[in-house]
Amino acid sequence: VEIDSTLAQNLRCRNEGRDVTVLCESATAMSLPDGAFDGAVSFTMLHHVPSLALQDQLLVEVARVLRPGGIFAGTDSCYSWCVWPSAPV
């Protein structure tokens, strides 16, 4: 999932002929069905999401598209002083 249409098109071209689907949409409101994936990854992008509310919505969406027991792995390159409230499990 890539929100920038130019980057999404570049990704499509670079992965042509491979078993890769690139969607040009916001990860805060994905068109993917519930429980569609065993895993999801996010690398150095969360700091580009402009608000805590949208970051939270993105993580809710990732959880929605993961199957029960699915795994999310993510990193970000920017340190933040933000204190995240405890989330219900």
Protein backbone atom coordinates (compact mmCIF):
# COMPACT_ATOMS: atom_id res chain seq x y z
CA VAL A 1 0.00 0.00 0.00
CA GLU A 2 1.49 3.30 -1.12
CA ILE A 3 -0.38 6.61 -0.92
CA ASP A 4 1.78 8.47 -3.44
CA SER A 5 0.65 7.66 -6.98
CA THR A 6 4.08 8.23 -8.55
CA LEU A 7 5.81 5.99 -6.02
CA ALA A 8 3.07 3.36 -6.41
CA GLN A 9 3.54 3.32 -10.18
CA ASN A 10 7.33 3.05 -9.80
CA LEU A 11 6.84 0.10 -7.43
CA ARG A 12 4.50 -1.58 -9.93
CA CYS A 13 7.07 -1.20 -12.70
CA ARG A 14 9.97 -2.45 -10.57
CA ASN A 15 7.97 -5.54 -9.56
CA GLU A 16 6.47 -6.39 -12.93
CA GLY A 17 6.36 -10.15 -13.47
CA ARG A 18 6.56 -10.89 -9.75
CA ASP A 19 3.79 -11.95 -7.41
CA VAL A 20 3.43 -8.42 -5.99
CA THR A 21 0.35 -6.20 -5.92
CA VAL A 22 0.80 -2.49 -5.26
CA LEU A 23 -2.27 -0.57 -4.13
CA CYS A 24 -2.33 3.21 -4.36
CA GLU A 25 -4.37 4.16 -1.31
CA SER A 26 -4.07 5.30 2.28
CA ALA A 27 -3.08 2.67 4.82
CA THR A 28 -5.52 4.38 7.19
CA ALA A 29 -8.47 3.16 5.07
CA MET A 30 -7.43 0.11 3.07
CA SER A 31 -9.73 -1.60 0.57
CA LEU A 32 -8.39 -5.00 1.67
CA PRO A 33 -10.73 -7.52 3.31
CA ASP A 34 -10.64 -8.34 7.01
CA GLY A 35 -8.20 -11.09 7.97
CA ALA A 36 -6.58 -11.30 4.55
CA PHE A 37 -2.92 -11.59 5.61
CA ASP A 38 -0.71 -13.67 7.88
CA GLY A 39 1.75 -10.80 8.28
CA ALA A 40 2.36 -7.15 7.61
CA VAL A 41 5.48 -5.00 7.72
CA SER A 42 6.13 -1.27 7.93
CA PHE A 43 9.57 0.25 7.52
CA THR A 44 10.54 3.86 8.22
CA MET A 45 7.21 5.41 7.31
CA LEU A 46 5.15 6.02 10.43
CA HIS A 47 6.73 9.44 11.00
CA HIS A 48 5.27 10.51 7.63
CA VAL A 49 1.72 10.01 8.92
CA PRO A 50 0.74 13.55 9.99
CA SER A 51 -1.08 12.98 13.29
CA LEU A 52 -1.28 10.57 16.20
CA ALA A 53 -4.94 9.92 15.36
CA LEU A 54 -4.03 8.85 11.81
CA GLN A 55 -1.12 6.76 13.08
CA ASP A 56 -3.53 5.01 15.44
CA GLN A 57 -6.01 4.50 12.58
CA LEU A 58 -3.25 3.03 10.42
CA LEU A 59 -2.40 0.50 13.13
CA VAL A 60 -6.10 -0.34 13.58
CA GLU A 61 -6.32 -1.00 9.83
CA VAL A 62 -3.24 -3.22 9.89
CA ALA A 63 -4.75 -5.21 12.76
CA ARG A 64 -8.02 -5.49 10.80
CA VAL A 65 -6.40 -7.00 7.70
CA LEU A 66 -4.32 -9.49 9.72
CA ARG A 67 -5.70 -12.95 10.40
CA PRO A 68 -6.03 -13.96 14.06
CA GLY A 69 -2.51 -14.66 15.26
CA GLY A 70 -1.02 -12.64 12.38
CA ILE A 71 2.26 -10.84 12.87
CA PHE A 72 3.05 -7.16 12.42
CA ALA A 73 6.69 -6.05 12.28
CA GLY A 74 7.61 -2.42 11.99
CA THR A 75 10.38 0.07 12.54
CA ASP A 76 10.75 3.79 12.15
CA SER A 77 13.82 5.94 11.72
CA CYS A 78 12.76 8.91 13.83
CA TYR A 79 12.87 9.03 17.60
CA SER A 80 9.77 10.45 19.27
CA TRP A 81 9.10 11.72 22.76
CA CYS A 82 5.46 10.73 22.30
CA VAL A 83 4.08 8.62 25.12
CA TRP A 84 1.61 6.11 23.74
CA PRO A 85 -1.29 5.16 26.01
CA SER A 86 -1.69 1.51 26.83
CA ALA A 87 -3.82 -0.16 24.21
CA PRO A 88 -6.36 -2.84 25.06
CA VAL A 89 -5.34 -6.30 23.96
